[in-house]
Protein backbone atom coordinates (compact mmCIF):
# COMPACT_ATOMS: atom_id res chain seq x y z
CA MET A 1 -57.33 -40.03 6.06
CA ARG A 2 -54.20 -41.37 4.72
CA LYS A 3 -54.53 -39.23 1.89
CA ALA A 4 -55.27 -36.23 3.45
CA ILE A 5 -52.09 -36.94 5.40
CA PHE A 6 -50.05 -37.48 2.28
CA SER A 7 -51.53 -34.38 0.31
CA LEU A 8 -50.39 -32.06 3.76
CA LEU A 9 -46.77 -33.80 4.03
CA LEU A 10 -46.79 -32.97 -0.04
CA ALA A 11 -47.52 -29.42 0.52
CA VAL A 12 -45.20 -29.01 3.34
CA LEU A 13 -42.52 -30.21 1.20
CA LEU A 14 -43.06 -28.48 -1.65
CA ALA A 15 -43.30 -24.92 0.68
CA ALA A 16 -39.78 -26.44 2.09
CA ALA A 17 -38.25 -26.59 -1.50
CA VAL A 18 -39.69 -23.20 -2.68
CA SER A 19 -37.98 -21.64 0.52
CA ALA A 20 -34.54 -23.13 -0.48
CA CYS A 21 -34.78 -22.43 -4.03
CA GLY A 22 -35.85 -18.96 -2.87
CA GLN A 23 -32.93 -18.78 -0.16
CA SER A 24 -30.36 -20.15 -2.73
CA SER A 25 -31.59 -17.54 -5.42
CA ASN A 26 -31.05 -14.89 -2.91
CA GLU A 27 -27.64 -16.03 -1.99
CA GLY A 28 -26.71 -16.36 -5.22
CA ASN A 29 -27.91 -12.80 -6.37
CA LYS A 30 -25.96 -11.59 -3.11
CA ASP A 31 -22.52 -13.41 -4.17
CA LYS A 32 -23.36 -11.77 -7.72
CA ASP A 33 -23.58 -8.38 -5.98
CA VAL A 34 -20.05 -8.77 -4.30
CA LYS A 35 -17.52 -7.51 -6.83
CA LYS A 36 -13.61 -8.63 -6.32
CA VAL A 37 -11.10 -6.42 -5.61
CA VAL A 38 -7.54 -7.11 -6.66
CA VAL A 39 -5.28 -5.41 -4.60
CA GLY A 40 -1.49 -5.11 -5.22
CA THR A 41 0.88 -4.72 -2.82
CA GLY A 42 4.83 -5.91 -1.57
CA THR A 43 6.12 -8.15 0.95
CA LYS A 44 9.43 -6.29 1.57
CA PHE A 45 8.50 -3.45 4.23
CA PRO A 46 8.78 -4.75 7.67
CA LYS A 47 5.65 -3.53 9.88
CA VAL A 48 4.14 -2.20 6.50
CA PHE A 49 3.62 -5.20 4.27
CA PHE A 50 5.57 -8.32 4.70
CA LEU A 51 5.12 -11.90 5.52
CA ASP A 52 5.41 -13.20 8.77
CA GLU A 53 6.88 -16.40 10.13
CA LYS A 54 3.88 -18.28 9.09
CA GLY A 55 4.52 -17.20 5.32
CA GLU A 56 1.24 -14.98 5.99
CA LEU A 57 0.91 -11.49 4.45
CA THR A 58 0.41 -8.58 6.77
CA GLY A 59 1.43 -5.49 8.03
CA PHE A 60 0.28 -1.78 8.55
CA ASP A 61 -0.94 -1.36 4.90
CA VAL A 62 -2.53 -4.87 4.42
CA GLU A 63 -4.47 -5.02 7.93
CA LEU A 64 -5.67 -1.50 7.10
CA LEU A 65 -7.35 -2.71 3.83
CA LYS A 66 -8.63 -5.78 5.62
CA GLU A 67 -10.69 -3.22 7.72
CA ILE A 68 -11.80 -1.32 5.16
CA ASP A 69 -12.82 -4.48 3.43
CA LYS A 70 -14.59 -5.14 6.48
CA ARG A 71 -16.88 -2.01 6.10
CA LEU A 72 -17.32 -2.33 2.08
CA PRO A 73 -19.61 -5.29 1.74
CA GLN A 74 -20.48 -4.67 -1.74
CA TYR A 75 -16.75 -5.72 -2.57
CA GLU A 76 -14.15 -8.23 -1.45
CA PHE A 77 -10.57 -7.85 -1.21
CA GLU A 78 -8.06 -10.30 -2.55
CA PHE A 79 -4.23 -9.82 -2.15
CA LYS A 80 -1.73 -10.14 -4.76
CA THR A 81 2.08 -9.31 -4.53
CA SER A 82 4.80 -8.30 -6.62
CA ASP A 83 7.56 -5.90 -7.04
CA LEU A 84 6.28 -1.93 -7.91
CA THR A 85 7.39 -2.22 -11.27
CA ASN A 86 5.01 -5.01 -11.73
CA LEU A 87 2.42 -3.78 -9.67
CA PHE A 88 2.06 -0.38 -11.75
CA LEU A 89 2.17 -2.79 -15.16
CA SER A 90 -0.64 -5.22 -13.54
CA LEU A 91 -2.83 -2.04 -12.63
CA LYS A 92 -2.61 -0.97 -16.32
CA THR A 93 -3.23 -4.53 -17.70
CA ASN A 94 -6.33 -5.36 -15.39
CA LYS A 95 -4.70 -7.83 -13.25
CA ILE A 96 -5.37 -5.88 -10.11
CA ASP A 97 -7.60 -3.14 -9.28
CA LEU A 98 -5.50 -0.68 -6.88
CA ILE A 99 -2.13 -0.64 -5.44
CA ALA A 100 -1.13 -0.35 -2.04
CA HIS A 101 2.62 0.43 -1.22
CA GLN A 102 3.00 3.40 0.60
CA LEU A 103 3.03 5.69 -2.41
CA GLU A 104 2.42 9.37 -2.90
CA LYS A 105 1.14 11.57 -5.58
CA ASN A 106 3.10 13.43 -7.74
CA PRO A 107 2.82 15.06 -11.19
CA GLU A 108 4.30 12.09 -13.20
CA ARG A 109 1.84 9.49 -11.44
CA GLU A 110 -0.96 11.79 -11.42
CA ALA A 111 -0.77 12.17 -15.41
CA GLU A 112 -1.51 8.06 -15.76
CA TYR A 113 -3.05 7.20 -12.73
CA LEU A 114 -6.20 7.98 -10.39
CA PHE A 115 -5.60 8.56 -6.68
CA ASN A 116 -8.22 8.23 -3.66
CA GLU A 117 -8.53 11.68 -2.34
CA LEU A 118 -7.98 10.83 1.67
CA PRO A 119 -4.33 9.96 2.43
CA TYR A 120 -4.14 7.08 4.98
CA ALA A 121 -0.84 7.62 6.18
CA TYR A 122 1.70 10.61 6.01
CA TRP A 123 5.83 10.76 5.89
CA LYS A 124 8.64 13.08 5.54
CA SER A 125 11.25 11.57 3.44
CA LYS A 126 15.04 12.27 4.50
CA ILE A 127 18.31 11.15 3.32
CA ILE A 128 19.44 8.01 4.96
CA VAL A 129 23.17 7.54 5.15
CA ALA A 130 25.70 5.13 7.19
CA LYS A 131 25.84 5.87 10.86
CA ASP A 132 29.58 6.49 10.48
CA ASN A 133 29.25 8.91 7.91
CA ASN A 134 30.35 12.59 9.17
CA ASN A 135 30.05 14.42 5.97
CA PRO A 136 28.23 17.57 6.75
CA ILE A 137 25.00 16.91 4.97
CA GLN A 138 21.88 19.12 4.65
CA SER A 139 20.72 18.47 0.89
CA LEU A 140 21.13 16.79 -2.08
CA ASP A 141 23.50 19.41 -3.27
CA ASP A 142 26.05 18.18 -0.49
CA LEU A 143 25.71 14.48 -2.44
CA LYS A 144 26.71 15.50 -5.81
CA GLY A 145 29.11 12.75 -7.30
CA LYS A 146 27.69 10.17 -4.63
CA LYS A 147 25.59 7.03 -5.46
CA ALA A 148 21.97 6.31 -4.23
CA VAL A 149 19.83 3.16 -4.52
CA VAL A 150 16.33 3.50 -5.01
CA THR A 151 13.29 0.88 -5.75
CA ALA A 152 12.36 1.62 -9.53
CA ASN A 153 9.34 3.64 -10.08
CA SER A 154 9.33 4.46 -6.22
CA ALA A 155 8.69 8.37 -5.23
CA ALA A 156 12.51 8.65 -4.19
CA ALA A 157 13.35 7.38 -7.58
CA THR A 158 11.47 10.27 -9.14
CA LEU A 159 13.06 12.60 -6.74
CA LEU A 160 16.28 11.87 -7.61
CA GLU A 161 15.72 11.42 -11.47
CA ASN A 162 14.20 15.10 -11.43
CA TYR A 163 17.14 16.24 -9.38
CA ASN A 164 19.63 14.65 -11.83
CA LYS A 165 17.81 16.61 -14.73
CA ALA A 166 18.51 19.73 -13.62
CA HIS A 167 21.49 19.05 -12.05
CA ASP A 168 23.60 17.28 -15.07
CA ASN A 169 23.37 13.97 -13.69
CA ALA A 170 24.87 14.85 -10.63
CA ILE A 171 23.74 11.66 -8.79
CA GLU A 172 24.73 7.87 -9.50
CA ILE A 173 21.56 6.24 -9.18
CA VAL A 174 21.37 2.40 -8.60
CA TYR A 175 17.96 0.95 -9.11
CA GLN A 176 17.10 -2.40 -6.89
CA SER A 177 13.75 -4.37 -6.39
CA GLY A 178 12.75 -2.60 -3.11
CA ALA A 179 13.95 -5.03 -0.19
CA ALA A 180 14.42 -2.57 2.65
CA ASN A 181 17.29 -4.81 4.20
CA ASP A 182 19.12 -4.48 0.89
CA MET A 183 19.33 -0.74 0.84
CA LEU A 184 20.52 -1.08 4.22
CA THR A 185 23.09 -3.66 3.45
CA LEU A 186 24.38 -1.77 0.34
CA VAL A 187 25.08 1.55 2.35
CA THR A 188 26.61 0.16 5.52
CA SER A 189 29.01 -2.13 3.00
CA GLY A 190 29.53 1.56 1.34
CA ARG A 191 28.89 0.13 -1.97
CA VAL A 192 26.32 2.96 -2.46
CA ASP A 193 26.42 6.12 -0.27
CA PHE A 194 22.66 7.21 0.61
CA PHE A 195 18.84 6.52 -0.03
CA ILE A 196 15.98 8.42 0.61
CA ALA A 197 13.19 7.28 2.99
CA PRO A 198 10.89 8.35 5.80
CA ASP A 199 13.06 8.76 8.79
CA PHE A 200 10.56 6.96 10.85
CA THR A 201 11.55 3.61 9.19
CA LEU A 202 14.92 3.38 10.61
CA ASP A 203 13.85 1.82 13.63
CA ILE A 204 11.80 -0.65 11.30
CA VAL A 205 14.39 -1.40 8.75
CA ASP A 206 17.73 -0.91 11.17
CA PRO A 207 17.08 -2.55 14.43
CA GLN A 208 21.16 -2.61 15.34
CA HIS A 209 20.99 1.30 14.32
CA GLN A 210 23.65 1.29 11.59
CA LEU A 211 22.43 4.39 9.82
CA LYS A 212 21.03 7.82 10.17
CA ALA A 213 18.66 10.41 8.66
CA VAL A 214 20.36 13.80 7.90
CA GLY A 215 19.55 17.03 6.65
CA GLU A 216 16.27 18.54 6.47
CA PRO A 217 13.15 16.92 4.74
CA LEU A 218 13.12 16.39 1.16
CA SER A 219 9.41 16.25 0.67
CA ALA A 220 6.30 16.07 2.86
CA THR A 221 4.20 13.22 1.69
CA ASP A 222 0.37 12.08 1.43
CA ILE A 223 0.19 8.50 1.03
CA GLN A 224 -2.58 7.28 -0.88
CA TYR A 225 -3.86 4.27 -3.18
CA VAL A 226 -3.30 4.54 -6.57
CA PHE A 227 -6.21 3.12 -8.99
CA ARG A 228 -6.68 3.11 -12.98
CA LYS A 229 -7.17 6.51 -14.78
CA ASP A 230 -10.45 7.14 -16.65
CA ASP A 231 -12.13 4.00 -15.30
CA PRO A 232 -15.86 4.59 -13.45
CA ASP A 233 -15.82 1.78 -11.67
CA SER A 234 -12.10 2.59 -10.13
CA LYS A 235 -13.25 5.81 -9.63
CA VAL A 236 -16.73 4.26 -7.13
CA LEU A 237 -14.29 2.30 -5.37
CA ALA A 238 -11.71 5.02 -4.89
CA ASP A 239 -15.06 6.96 -3.31
CA SER A 240 -15.75 4.09 -1.15
CA ILE A 241 -12.39 3.51 0.19
CA ASP A 242 -12.67 7.38 1.29
CA GLY A 243 -15.89 6.97 2.82
CA VAL A 244 -14.61 4.29 4.73
CA ILE A 245 -10.93 6.22 5.37
CA LYS A 246 -13.06 9.19 7.12
CA GLU A 247 -14.91 6.61 9.19
CA LEU A 248 -11.72 4.72 10.42
CA ARG A 249 -10.23 8.41 11.53
CA GLU A 250 -13.21 9.23 13.52
CA ASP A 251 -13.69 6.19 15.24
CA GLY A 252 -9.87 5.82 15.77
CA THR A 253 -9.31 2.75 14.23
CA LEU A 254 -6.87 4.30 11.76
CA ALA A 255 -4.52 5.43 14.28
CA ALA A 256 -4.70 2.40 16.25
CA LEU A 257 -3.60 0.47 13.70
CA SER A 258 -0.47 2.92 13.18
CA GLU A 259 0.29 2.87 16.70
CA LYS A 260 0.19 -1.32 16.66
CA TRP A 261 2.37 -1.69 13.41
CA LEU A 262 4.71 1.23 13.47
CA SER A 263 4.75 2.37 17.23
CA PHE A 264 3.74 5.94 16.40
CA ASP A 265 1.11 7.70 14.76
CA ALA A 266 1.55 8.22 10.82
CA THR A 267 -1.69 9.27 10.24
CA ILE A 268 -1.55 12.81 11.56
CA GLN A 269 -0.27 15.52 8.92
């Protein structure tokens, strides 16, 4: 009798051990199937990508990517912050896998990088000057001889650089690290004359209304993610993200995130 009971207990223990090993093995295989994706973004765009009062990274771009991550179980997103110049370098050297920095596609970038197909936001860039600037300004032609501040490698920098190539360096360009508050200070102090940004950002970066947007929009921009070019894994990731963006548009989540963080729907073209 004792021998029979002992044999039964041994069988139960062995079965439990085998089950645990199988479960552990399955969990290990599951973990191996999940690919880590390092997302490069910034910290200096209030409401879009910034550090909150607890020092935690958040904002429209960040929370959108967290939602995308939830819907892609095959990936696990991890955020890495830096200025835009270093983000492009990190992408090329495989230190990050995509850039989320309110970036637009242009010929210069498209020659070096892969973009996903579906924009997650849209904006129109305008000339931003001090509120007390009463000069008649409709285009960059009205700013020849003036000084502009830009973030290195930004779309605004490329736009002004291309303008200068065609107009004998008519505008002096000052490059800075990308903090919106720095741009505000430089313009309101008179150290530079203007910068280029989406007009909707004025309420975000200039709550005291010291700036204004002038002239016609310089560009209408699709905002997309940037990946390594000629990289099969990057193409699969970009296509996967496009699939989720389509879902988020259809179920209203994309618009809701924009309304929450930006106080308007920047996802409408």
